[in-house]
Protein backbone atom coordinates (compact mmCIF):
# COMPACT_ATOMS: atom_id res chain seq x y z
CA MET A 1 -6.65 2.43 -9.20
CA GLU A 2 -5.89 -0.95 -10.71
CA THR A 3 -5.35 -3.89 -8.45
CA ASN A 4 -2.46 -4.98 -10.60
CA ALA A 5 -0.56 -2.24 -9.60
CA LEU A 6 -0.90 -2.53 -6.14
CA ILE A 7 0.77 -5.84 -6.19
CA ALA A 8 4.36 -5.58 -3.74
CA ASN A 9 6.59 -7.10 -6.25
CA ALA A 10 5.43 -3.92 -8.58
CA THR A 11 8.31 -3.44 -11.51
CA THR A 12 6.92 -0.89 -13.73
CA HIS A 13 6.95 3.12 -12.30
CA GLU A 14 3.48 3.31 -12.54
CA SER A 15 2.77 0.45 -10.79
CA LYS A 16 5.33 1.00 -8.09
CA VAL A 17 3.08 4.81 -7.25
CA ASN A 18 0.60 3.39 -7.49
CA LEU A 19 1.94 0.95 -4.66
CA PHE A 20 3.28 4.39 -3.03
CA ARG A 21 -0.09 5.79 -2.72
CA ALA A 22 -2.07 2.70 -1.32
CA LEU A 23 -0.02 2.20 1.45
CA THR A 24 0.88 6.34 2.49
CA ASN A 25 -3.09 6.37 1.49
CA ALA A 26 -4.36 3.56 3.10
CA SER A 27 -7.54 4.14 5.83
CA PRO A 28 -7.64 2.68 9.21
CA PHE A 29 -8.70 -1.17 9.48
CA SER A 30 -11.69 0.47 11.79
CA GLU A 31 -13.28 2.10 8.38
CA ALA A 32 -13.68 -1.33 7.48
CA VAL A 33 -15.56 -3.09 10.04
CA ASN A 34 -18.45 -5.47 9.22
CA LYS A 35 -17.52 -4.88 5.02
CA THR A 36 -16.47 -7.86 2.86
CA LEU A 37 -13.21 -7.27 1.83
CA SER A 38 -11.50 -8.58 -0.97
CA VAL A 39 -7.56 -8.60 -0.29
CA VAL A 40 -5.00 -9.11 -3.45
CA GLN A 41 -2.19 -8.70 -0.65
CA ILE A 42 -0.85 -8.75 2.27
CA ILE A 43 2.08 -5.83 3.07
CA ASP A 44 3.23 -5.80 6.33
CA GLN A 45 6.00 -3.39 7.50
CA PRO A 46 8.07 -2.75 11.33
CA ALA A 47 6.46 -0.29 13.26
CA PHE A 48 6.52 0.97 16.95
CA ASN A 49 2.48 1.19 19.00
CA ASP A 50 2.45 4.10 21.81
CA GLN A 51 4.60 2.21 24.37
CA GLY A 52 7.39 2.35 22.14
CA GLU A 53 7.22 -1.57 21.08
CA PRO A 54 7.62 -3.03 17.89
CA VAL A 55 4.83 -4.28 15.97
CA ASN A 56 3.93 -5.18 12.91
CA ARG A 57 1.97 -2.50 11.09
CA TYR A 58 -0.37 -4.59 8.25
CA PHE A 59 -1.52 -3.07 4.93
CA PHE A 60 -4.85 -4.81 2.86
CA LEU A 61 -4.59 -3.88 -0.86
CA CYS A 62 -8.28 -4.45 -1.88
CA GLU A 63 -9.26 -5.97 -5.51
CA ASP A 64 -11.09 -2.95 -5.39
CA GLY A 65 -8.11 -0.33 -4.94
CA ALA A 66 -8.87 0.48 -1.28
CA ALA A 67 -6.34 0.17 0.97
CA TYR A 68 -6.56 -0.03 5.08
CA MET A 69 -3.50 -0.61 7.38
CA SER A 70 -4.00 -2.16 11.02
CA MET A 71 -1.08 -2.85 13.69
CA ALA A 72 -3.79 -4.68 15.87
CA LEU A 73 -2.37 -7.59 17.55
CA GLY A 74 -5.71 -8.95 16.89
CA VAL A 75 -4.88 -8.49 13.29
CA ASP A 76 -1.53 -10.38 13.82
CA SER A 77 -2.77 -13.37 14.80
CA CYS A 78 -5.47 -13.51 11.86
CA VAL A 79 -2.66 -12.84 9.31
CA LYS A 80 -0.32 -15.22 10.53
CA ALA A 81 -3.34 -18.08 10.60
CA VAL A 82 -3.65 -17.20 6.86
CA ARG A 83 -0.09 -16.42 5.89
CA SER A 84 0.38 -20.34 7.84
CA ILE A 85 -2.50 -21.72 5.90
CA TRP A 86 -2.72 -19.62 2.24
CA GLY A 87 1.09 -18.08 2.40
CA SER A 88 1.70 -14.65 1.28
CA ASP A 89 0.47 -15.33 -2.71
CA PHE A 90 -3.22 -15.61 -3.12
CA VAL A 91 -4.39 -17.51 -6.43
CA GLU A 92 -7.25 -15.53 -6.06
CA PRO A 93 -8.47 -12.66 -3.92
CA LEU A 94 -9.27 -13.71 -0.07
CA GLN A 95 -13.10 -12.42 1.36
CA ILE A 96 -12.44 -11.36 4.81
CA VAL A 97 -14.21 -9.36 6.89
CA PRO A 98 -12.73 -7.10 9.38
CA CYS A 99 -14.75 -7.04 13.44
CA GLN A 100 -13.75 -5.13 16.71
CA VAL A 101 -13.69 -7.54 19.79
CA LYS A 102 -14.20 -6.64 23.27
CA THR A 103 -10.45 -7.38 25.85
CA LYS A 104 -9.40 -6.85 29.33
CA ASN A 105 -8.06 -3.01 28.57
CA GLY A 106 -10.80 -2.05 25.77
CA HIS A 107 -10.21 -3.73 22.42
CA THR A 108 -8.94 -4.86 19.46
CA TYR A 109 -9.83 -5.49 15.65
CA LYS A 110 -9.50 -8.99 13.56
CA PHE A 111 -11.49 -10.67 10.53
CA THR A 112 -13.09 -14.29 9.93
CA VAL A 113 -12.82 -15.04 6.00
CA LEU A 114 -15.49 -15.87 4.90
C-alpha cells in the first residue's frame, strides 16, 4: 500500500479505498510498543470508551503502510502536544515510539517523539 494513498485528504477512488482499509484494519497501538513508527498522518474520530464517555480514537498512518489505533488518554495528551508543535500536517514523517505506562488504575499508552 502506498503512503500517498493513506493521506486523509485522499482524492481518487483508489486512495479513498486504501484509506478506508487502513482505518478499518488498524492494529492496536499496543502492538507497536517499543517500536519506532514513521507516522505520516494522525487521524482522529469521535468515539466512546467502555464507560460511555466521549473520547478520541486516533489512527496513526505510517510511511510503510501500517496503521495503528488508540483511544488511550495518554495518547490523547501526546497527540495534542504534537499538534500544538508540528500542526496536523507533517512536512516529513514523525518518528514516534509508543510505550505503556502504569497508572493508578492500571496502565495507559503514550508515545515519545524521536
